[in-house]
Structures are given as C-alpha cells and as structure tokens.
PDB file of all heavy atoms in Angstrom:
ATOM      1  N   SER A   1       0.826  -1.219  -0.022  1.00  0.00           N
ATOM      2  CA  SER A   1       0.002  -0.032  -0.021  1.00  0.00           C
ATOM      3  C   SER A   1       0.905   1.272   0.023  1.00  0.00           C
ATOM      4  O   SER A   1       2.039   1.234   0.379  1.00  0.00           O
ATOM      5  CB  SER A   1      -0.897  -0.014   1.223  1.00  0.00           C
ATOM      6  OG  SER A   1      -0.165   0.171   2.418  1.00  0.00           O
ATOM      7  N   ASP A   2       0.193   2.349  -0.372  1.00  0.00           N
ATOM      8  CA  ASP A   2       0.946   3.674  -0.324  1.00  0.00           C
ATOM      9  C   ASP A   2       1.263   4.056   1.096  1.00  0.00           C
ATOM     10  O   ASP A   2       2.188   4.701   1.440  1.00  0.00           O
ATOM     11  CB  ASP A   2       0.101   4.731  -0.998  1.00  0.00           C
ATOM     12  CG  ASP A   2      -1.318   4.862  -0.461  1.00  0.00           C
ATOM     13  OD1 ASP A   2      -1.747   4.010   0.347  1.00  0.00           O
ATOM     14  OD2 ASP A   2      -2.071   5.806  -0.840  1.00  0.00           O
ATOM     15  N   ASN A   3       0.386   3.532   2.064  1.00  0.00           N
ATOM     16  CA  ASN A   3       0.615   3.748   3.488  1.00  0.00           C
ATOM     17  C   ASN A   3       1.915   3.068   3.933  1.00  0.00           C
ATOM     18  O   ASN A   3       2.683   3.637   4.689  1.00  0.00           O
ATOM     19  CB  ASN A   3      -0.594   3.272   4.283  1.00  0.00           C
ATOM     20  CG  ASN A   3      -0.425   3.403   5.776  1.00  0.00           C
ATOM     21  OD1 ASN A   3       0.138   2.499   6.428  1.00  0.00           O
ATOM     22  ND2 ASN A   3      -0.880   4.464   6.341  1.00  0.00           N
ATOM     23  N   PHE A   4       2.161   1.874   3.458  1.00  0.00           N
ATOM     24  CA  PHE A   4       3.355   1.133   3.719  1.00  0.00           C
ATOM     25  C   PHE A   4       4.591   1.910   3.210  1.00  0.00           C
ATOM     26  O   PHE A   4       5.615   2.027   3.929  1.00  0.00           O
ATOM     27  CB  PHE A   4       3.303  -0.286   3.195  1.00  0.00           C
ATOM     28  CG  PHE A   4       4.524  -1.117   3.395  1.00  0.00           C
ATOM     29  CD1 PHE A   4       4.590  -1.852   4.620  1.00  0.00           C
ATOM     30  CD2 PHE A   4       5.590  -1.207   2.528  1.00  0.00           C
ATOM     31  CE1 PHE A   4       5.732  -2.633   4.871  1.00  0.00           C
ATOM     32  CE2 PHE A   4       6.595  -1.941   2.807  1.00  0.00           C
ATOM     33  CZ  PHE A   4       6.764  -2.678   3.944  1.00  0.00           C
ATOM     34  N   VAL A   5       4.497   2.335   1.982  1.00  0.00           N
ATOM     35  CA  VAL A   5       5.594   3.045   1.357  1.00  0.00           C
ATOM     36  C   VAL A   5       5.890   4.382   2.122  1.00  0.00           C
ATOM     37  O   VAL A   5       7.044   4.713   2.409  1.00  0.00           O
ATOM     38  CB  VAL A   5       5.295   3.404  -0.116  1.00  0.00           C
ATOM     39  CG1 VAL A   5       6.337   4.374  -0.687  1.00  0.00           C
ATOM     40  CG2 VAL A   5       5.151   2.186  -0.918  1.00  0.00           C
ATOM     41  N   LYS A   6       4.875   5.062   2.592  1.00  0.00           N
ATOM     42  CA  LYS A   6       4.992   6.275   3.281  1.00  0.00           C
ATOM     43  C   LYS A   6       5.678   6.129   4.632  1.00  0.00           C
ATOM     44  O   LYS A   6       6.627   6.875   4.988  1.00  0.00           O
ATOM     45  CB  LYS A   6       3.639   6.961   3.518  1.00  0.00           C
ATOM     46  CG  LYS A   6       3.681   8.328   4.204  1.00  0.00           C
ATOM     47  CD  LYS A   6       2.298   8.910   4.311  1.00  0.00           C
ATOM     48  CE  LYS A   6       2.314  10.253   5.026  1.00  0.00           C
ATOM     49  NZ  LYS A   6       0.942  10.888   5.103  1.00  0.00           N
ATOM     50  N   TYR A   7       5.275   5.190   5.433  1.00  0.00           N
ATOM     51  CA  TYR A   7       5.775   5.053   6.787  1.00  0.00           C
ATOM     52  C   TYR A   7       6.891   4.026   6.928  1.00  0.00           C
ATOM     53  O   TYR A   7       7.818   4.226   7.730  1.00  0.00           O
ATOM     54  CB  TYR A   7       4.653   4.640   7.688  1.00  0.00           C
ATOM     55  CG  TYR A   7       3.690   5.833   7.849  1.00  0.00           C
ATOM     56  CD1 TYR A   7       2.508   5.860   7.181  1.00  0.00           C
ATOM     57  CD2 TYR A   7       4.002   7.002   8.673  1.00  0.00           C
ATOM     58  CE1 TYR A   7       1.582   6.930   7.338  1.00  0.00           C
ATOM     59  CE2 TYR A   7       3.141   8.011   8.773  1.00  0.00           C
ATOM     60  CZ  TYR A   7       1.930   8.030   8.117  1.00  0.00           C
ATOM     61  OH  TYR A   7       1.069   9.092   8.180  1.00  0.00           O
ATOM     62  N   ALA A   8       6.826   2.927   6.192  1.00  0.00           N
ATOM     63  CA  ALA A   8       7.870   1.862   6.304  1.00  0.00           C
ATOM     64  C   ALA A   8       9.084   2.206   5.423  1.00  0.00           C
ATOM     65  O   ALA A   8      10.225   1.887   5.831  1.00  0.00           O
ATOM     66  CB  ALA A   8       7.285   0.461   5.991  1.00  0.00           C
ATOM     67  N   LEU A   9       8.882   2.738   4.274  1.00  0.00           N
ATOM     68  CA  LEU A   9       9.961   3.039   3.284  1.00  0.00           C
ATOM     69  C   LEU A   9      10.302   4.535   3.300  1.00  0.00           C
ATOM     70  O   LEU A   9      10.876   4.984   2.307  1.00  0.00           O
ATOM     71  CB  LEU A   9       9.608   2.506   1.972  1.00  0.00           C
ATOM     72  CG  LEU A   9       9.258   0.992   1.854  1.00  0.00           C
ATOM     73  CD1 LEU A   9       8.947   0.612   0.440  1.00  0.00           C
ATOM     74  CD2 LEU A   9      10.414   0.187   2.393  1.00  0.00           C
ATOM     75  N   ASN A  10       9.847   5.239   4.281  1.00  0.00           N
ATOM     76  CA  ASN A  10      10.163   6.682   4.384  1.00  0.00           C
ATOM     77  C   ASN A  10       9.782   7.485   3.179  1.00  0.00           C
ATOM     78  O   ASN A  10      10.479   8.335   2.611  1.00  0.00           O
ATOM     79  CB  ASN A  10      11.687   6.853   4.627  1.00  0.00           C
ATOM     80  CG  ASN A  10      12.038   8.242   5.172  1.00  0.00           C
ATOM     81  OD1 ASN A  10      11.159   8.867   5.797  1.00  0.00           O
ATOM     82  ND2 ASN A  10      13.254   8.679   4.886  1.00  0.00           N
ATOM     83  N   ASP A  11       8.546   7.092   2.651  1.00  0.00           N
ATOM     84  CA  ASP A  11       7.953   7.790   1.488  1.00  0.00           C
ATOM     85  C   ASP A  11       8.911   7.736   0.244  1.00  0.00           C
ATOM     86  O   ASP A  11       9.094   8.757  -0.438  1.00  0.00           O
ATOM     87  CB  ASP A  11       7.593   9.256   1.812  1.00  0.00           C
ATOM     88  CG  ASP A  11       6.418   9.761   1.042  1.00  0.00           C
ATOM     89  OD1 ASP A  11       5.782   8.941   0.350  1.00  0.00           O
ATOM     90  OD2 ASP A  11       6.075  10.941   1.114  1.00  0.00           O
ATOM     91  N   MET A  12       9.453   6.596  -0.033  1.00  0.00           N
ATOM     92  CA  MET A  12      10.357   6.410  -1.131  1.00  0.00           C
ATOM     93  C   MET A  12       9.674   6.783  -2.471  1.00  0.00           C
ATOM     94  O   MET A  12       8.497   6.445  -2.699  1.00  0.00           O
ATOM     95  CB  MET A  12      10.767   4.919  -1.162  1.00  0.00           C
ATOM     96  CG  MET A  12      11.857   4.599  -2.235  1.00  0.00           C
ATOM     97  SD  MET A  12      12.310   2.876  -2.227  1.00  0.00           S
ATOM     98  CE  MET A  12      13.133   2.744  -0.645  1.00  0.00           C
ATOM     99  N   GLU A  13      10.384   7.595  -3.259  1.00  0.00           N
ATOM    100  CA  GLU A  13       9.834   8.092  -4.492  1.00  0.00           C
ATOM    101  C   GLU A  13       9.502   6.961  -5.468  1.00  0.00           C
ATOM    102  O   GLU A  13       8.434   6.966  -6.121  1.00  0.00           O
ATOM    103  CB  GLU A  13      10.865   9.056  -5.135  1.00  0.00           C
ATOM    104  CG  GLU A  13      10.160   9.812  -6.288  1.00  0.00           C
ATOM    105  CD  GLU A  13      11.174  10.907  -6.838  1.00  0.00           C
ATOM    106  OE1 GLU A  13      11.992  11.347  -6.145  1.00  0.00           O
ATOM    107  OE2 GLU A  13      11.004  11.266  -8.059  1.00  0.00           O
ATOM    108  N   ASP A  14      10.360   6.007  -5.638  1.00  0.00           N
ATOM    109  CA  ASP A  14      10.141   4.878  -6.570  1.00  0.00           C
ATOM    110  C   ASP A  14      10.515   3.570  -5.914  1.00  0.00           C
ATOM    111  O   ASP A  14      11.640   3.092  -5.992  1.00  0.00           O
ATOM    112  CB  ASP A  14      10.958   5.077  -7.861  1.00  0.00           C
ATOM    113  CG  ASP A  14      10.617   4.016  -8.900  1.00  0.00           C
ATOM    114  OD1 ASP A  14       9.602   3.294  -8.730  1.00  0.00           O
ATOM    115  OD2 ASP A  14      11.431   3.906  -9.883  1.00  0.00           O
ATOM    116  N   PRO A  15       9.515   2.976  -5.244  1.00  0.00           N
ATOM    117  CA  PRO A  15       9.859   1.721  -4.508  1.00  0.00           C
ATOM    118  C   PRO A  15       9.793   0.442  -5.368  1.00  0.00           C
ATOM    119  O   PRO A  15      10.065  -0.668  -4.865  1.00  0.00           O
ATOM    120  CB  PRO A  15       8.760   1.653  -3.440  1.00  0.00           C
ATOM    121  CG  PRO A  15       7.559   2.350  -4.111  1.00  0.00           C
ATOM    122  CD  PRO A  15       8.122   3.406  -5.010  1.00  0.00           C
ATOM    123  N   ILE A  16       9.454   0.584  -6.672  1.00  0.00           N
ATOM    124  CA  ILE A  16       9.322  -0.603  -7.514  1.00  0.00           C
ATOM    125  C   ILE A  16      10.713  -1.278  -7.657  1.00  0.00           C
ATOM    126  O   ILE A  16      11.711  -0.600  -7.970  1.00  0.00           O
ATOM    127  CB  ILE A  16       8.788  -0.188  -8.924  1.00  0.00           C
ATOM    128  CG1 ILE A  16       7.470   0.514  -8.777  1.00  0.00           C
ATOM    129  CG2 ILE A  16       8.637  -1.426  -9.790  1.00  0.00           C
ATOM    130  CD1 ILE A  16       6.421  -0.293  -8.076  1.00  0.00           C
ATOM    131  N   GLY A  17      10.737  -2.545  -7.346  1.00  0.00           N
ATOM    132  CA  GLY A  17      12.000  -3.305  -7.400  1.00  0.00           C
ATOM    133  C   GLY A  17      12.710  -3.385  -6.024  1.00  0.00           C
ATOM    134  O   GLY A  17      13.669  -4.076  -5.903  1.00  0.00           O
ATOM    135  N   GLU A  18      12.176  -2.654  -5.050  1.00  0.00           N
ATOM    136  CA  GLU A  18      12.755  -2.606  -3.755  1.00  0.00           C
ATOM    137  C   GLU A  18      12.567  -3.995  -3.057  1.00  0.00           C
ATOM    138  O   GLU A  18      11.467  -4.530  -3.048  1.00  0.00           O
ATOM    139  CB  GLU A  18      12.142  -1.499  -2.914  1.00  0.00           C
ATOM    140  CG  GLU A  18      12.791  -1.375  -1.523  1.00  0.00           C
ATOM    141  CD  GLU A  18      14.144  -0.720  -1.529  1.00  0.00           C
ATOM    142  OE1 GLU A  18      14.564  -0.181  -2.641  1.00  0.00           O
ATOM    143  OE2 GLU A  18      14.788  -0.754  -0.513  1.00  0.00           O
ATOM    144  N   LYS A  19      13.612  -4.471  -2.479  1.00  0.00           N
ATOM    145  CA  LYS A  19      13.527  -5.719  -1.742  1.00  0.00           C
ATOM    146  C   LYS A  19      13.164  -5.475  -0.302  1.00  0.00           C
ATOM    147  O   LYS A  19      13.727  -4.634   0.405  1.00  0.00           O
ATOM    148  CB  LYS A  19      14.883  -6.439  -1.815  1.00  0.00           C
ATOM    149  CG  LYS A  19      14.922  -7.790  -0.973  1.00  0.00           C
ATOM    150  CD  LYS A  19      16.332  -8.372  -1.021  1.00  0.00           C
ATOM    151  CE  LYS A  19      16.434  -9.617  -0.206  1.00  0.00           C
ATOM    152  NZ  LYS A  19      17.806 -10.187  -0.223  1.00  0.00           N
ATOM    153  N   ILE A  20      12.142  -6.172   0.215  1.00  0.00           N
ATOM    154  CA  ILE A  20      11.696  -6.016   1.629  1.00  0.00           C
ATOM    155  C   ILE A  20      11.662  -7.328   2.293  1.00  0.00           C
ATOM    156  O   ILE A  20      11.453  -8.372   1.594  1.00  0.00           O
ATOM    157  CB  ILE A  20      10.311  -5.270   1.699  1.00  0.00           C
ATOM    158  CG1 ILE A  20       9.282  -6.120   1.014  1.00  0.00           C
ATOM    159  CG2 ILE A  20      10.379  -3.864   1.181  1.00  0.00           C
ATOM    160  CD1 ILE A  20       7.806  -5.534   1.308  1.00  0.00           C
ATOM    161  N   GLU A  21      11.807  -7.304   3.547  1.00  0.00           N
ATOM    162  CA  GLU A  21      11.690  -8.549   4.377  1.00  0.00           C
ATOM    163  C   GLU A  21      10.698  -8.253   5.510  1.00  0.00           C
ATOM    164  O   GLU A  21      10.904  -7.254   6.292  1.00  0.00           O
ATOM    165  CB  GLU A  21      13.033  -8.999   4.957  1.00  0.00           C
ATOM    166  CG  GLU A  21      13.977  -9.484   3.870  1.00  0.00           C
ATOM    167  CD  GLU A  21      15.296 -10.005   4.497  1.00  0.00           C
ATOM    168  OE1 GLU A  21      15.542  -9.687   5.653  1.00  0.00           O
ATOM    169  OE2 GLU A  21      16.095 -10.640   3.767  1.00  0.00           O
ATOM    170  N   VAL A  22       9.731  -9.129   5.697  1.00  0.00           N
ATOM    171  CA  VAL A  22       8.835  -8.980   6.832  1.00  0.00           C
ATOM    172  C   VAL A  22       8.900 -10.266   7.634  1.00  0.00           C
ATOM    173  O   VAL A  22       9.103 -11.379   7.127  1.00  0.00           O
ATOM    174  CB  VAL A  22       7.363  -8.647   6.360  1.00  0.00           C
ATOM    175  CG1 VAL A  22       7.292  -7.371   5.680  1.00  0.00           C
ATOM    176  CG2 VAL A  22       6.797  -9.800   5.479  1.00  0.00           C
ATOM    177  N   GLU A  23       8.648 -10.143   8.920  1.00  0.00           N
ATOM    178  CA  GLU A  23       8.802 -11.270   9.828  1.00  0.00           C
ATOM    179  C   GLU A  23       7.447 -11.621  10.498  1.00  0.00           C
ATOM    180  O   GLU A  23       6.831 -10.729  11.072  1.00  0.00           O
ATOM    181  CB  GLU A  23       9.844 -11.012  10.889  1.00  0.00           C
ATOM    182  CG  GLU A  23      10.128 -12.150  11.780  1.00  0.00           C
ATOM    183  CD  GLU A  23      11.252 -11.876  12.783  1.00  0.00           C
ATOM    184  OE1 GLU A  23      12.228 -11.075  12.407  1.00  0.00           O
ATOM    185  OE2 GLU A  23      11.174 -12.295  13.938  1.00  0.00           O
ATOM    186  N   THR A  24       7.026 -12.846  10.330  1.00  0.00           N
ATOM    187  CA  THR A  24       5.726 -13.245  10.926  1.00  0.00           C
ATOM    188  C   THR A  24       5.925 -13.419  12.445  1.00  0.00           C
ATOM    189  O   THR A  24       7.042 -13.405  12.916  1.00  0.00           O
ATOM    190  CB  THR A  24       5.166 -14.552  10.313  1.00  0.00           C
ATOM    191  OG1 THR A  24       6.161 -15.614  10.589  1.00  0.00           O
ATOM    192  CG2 THR A  24       5.048 -14.415   8.830  1.00  0.00           C
ATOM    193  N   LEU A  25       4.813 -13.648  13.149  1.00  0.00           N
ATOM    194  CA  LEU A  25       4.870 -13.789  14.588  1.00  0.00           C
ATOM    195  C   LEU A  25       5.633 -15.033  15.058  1.00  0.00           C
ATOM    196  O   LEU A  25       6.183 -15.037  16.130  1.00  0.00           O
ATOM    197  CB  LEU A  25       3.453 -13.825  15.146  1.00  0.00           C
ATOM    198  CG  LEU A  25       2.629 -12.505  14.926  1.00  0.00           C
ATOM    199  CD1 LEU A  25       1.248 -12.673  15.520  1.00  0.00           C
ATOM    200  CD2 LEU A  25       3.320 -11.314  15.556  1.00  0.00           C
ATOM    201  N   ASP A  26       5.731 -16.051  14.165  1.00  0.00           N
ATOM    202  CA  ASP A  26       6.404 -17.280  14.500  1.00  0.00           C
ATOM    203  C   ASP A  26       7.837 -17.156  14.060  1.00  0.00           C
ATOM    204  O   ASP A  26       8.592 -18.206  14.134  1.00  0.00           O
ATOM    205  CB  ASP A  26       5.734 -18.533  13.965  1.00  0.00           C
ATOM    206  CG  ASP A  26       5.680 -18.519  12.402  1.00  0.00           C
ATOM    207  OD1 ASP A  26       6.199 -17.586  11.826  1.00  0.00           O
ATOM    208  OD2 ASP A  26       5.040 -19.403  11.845  1.00  0.00           O
TER     209      ASP A  26
END
C-alpha cells in the first residue's frame, strides 16, 4: 500500500523493485 511506502519506506519516491523482508509472529 501507499501507506506502507510512506511510513515503512520513508515515502520512497520509486519503491518498484525494492527488496523487503517482513517477519511473521512465529
């Protein structure tokens, strides 16, 4: 979401192709 880009990626201008890692609760 644009909300994720704004707050998690510091409002990155072009996040396409950006590698991200998220961690589940387990």
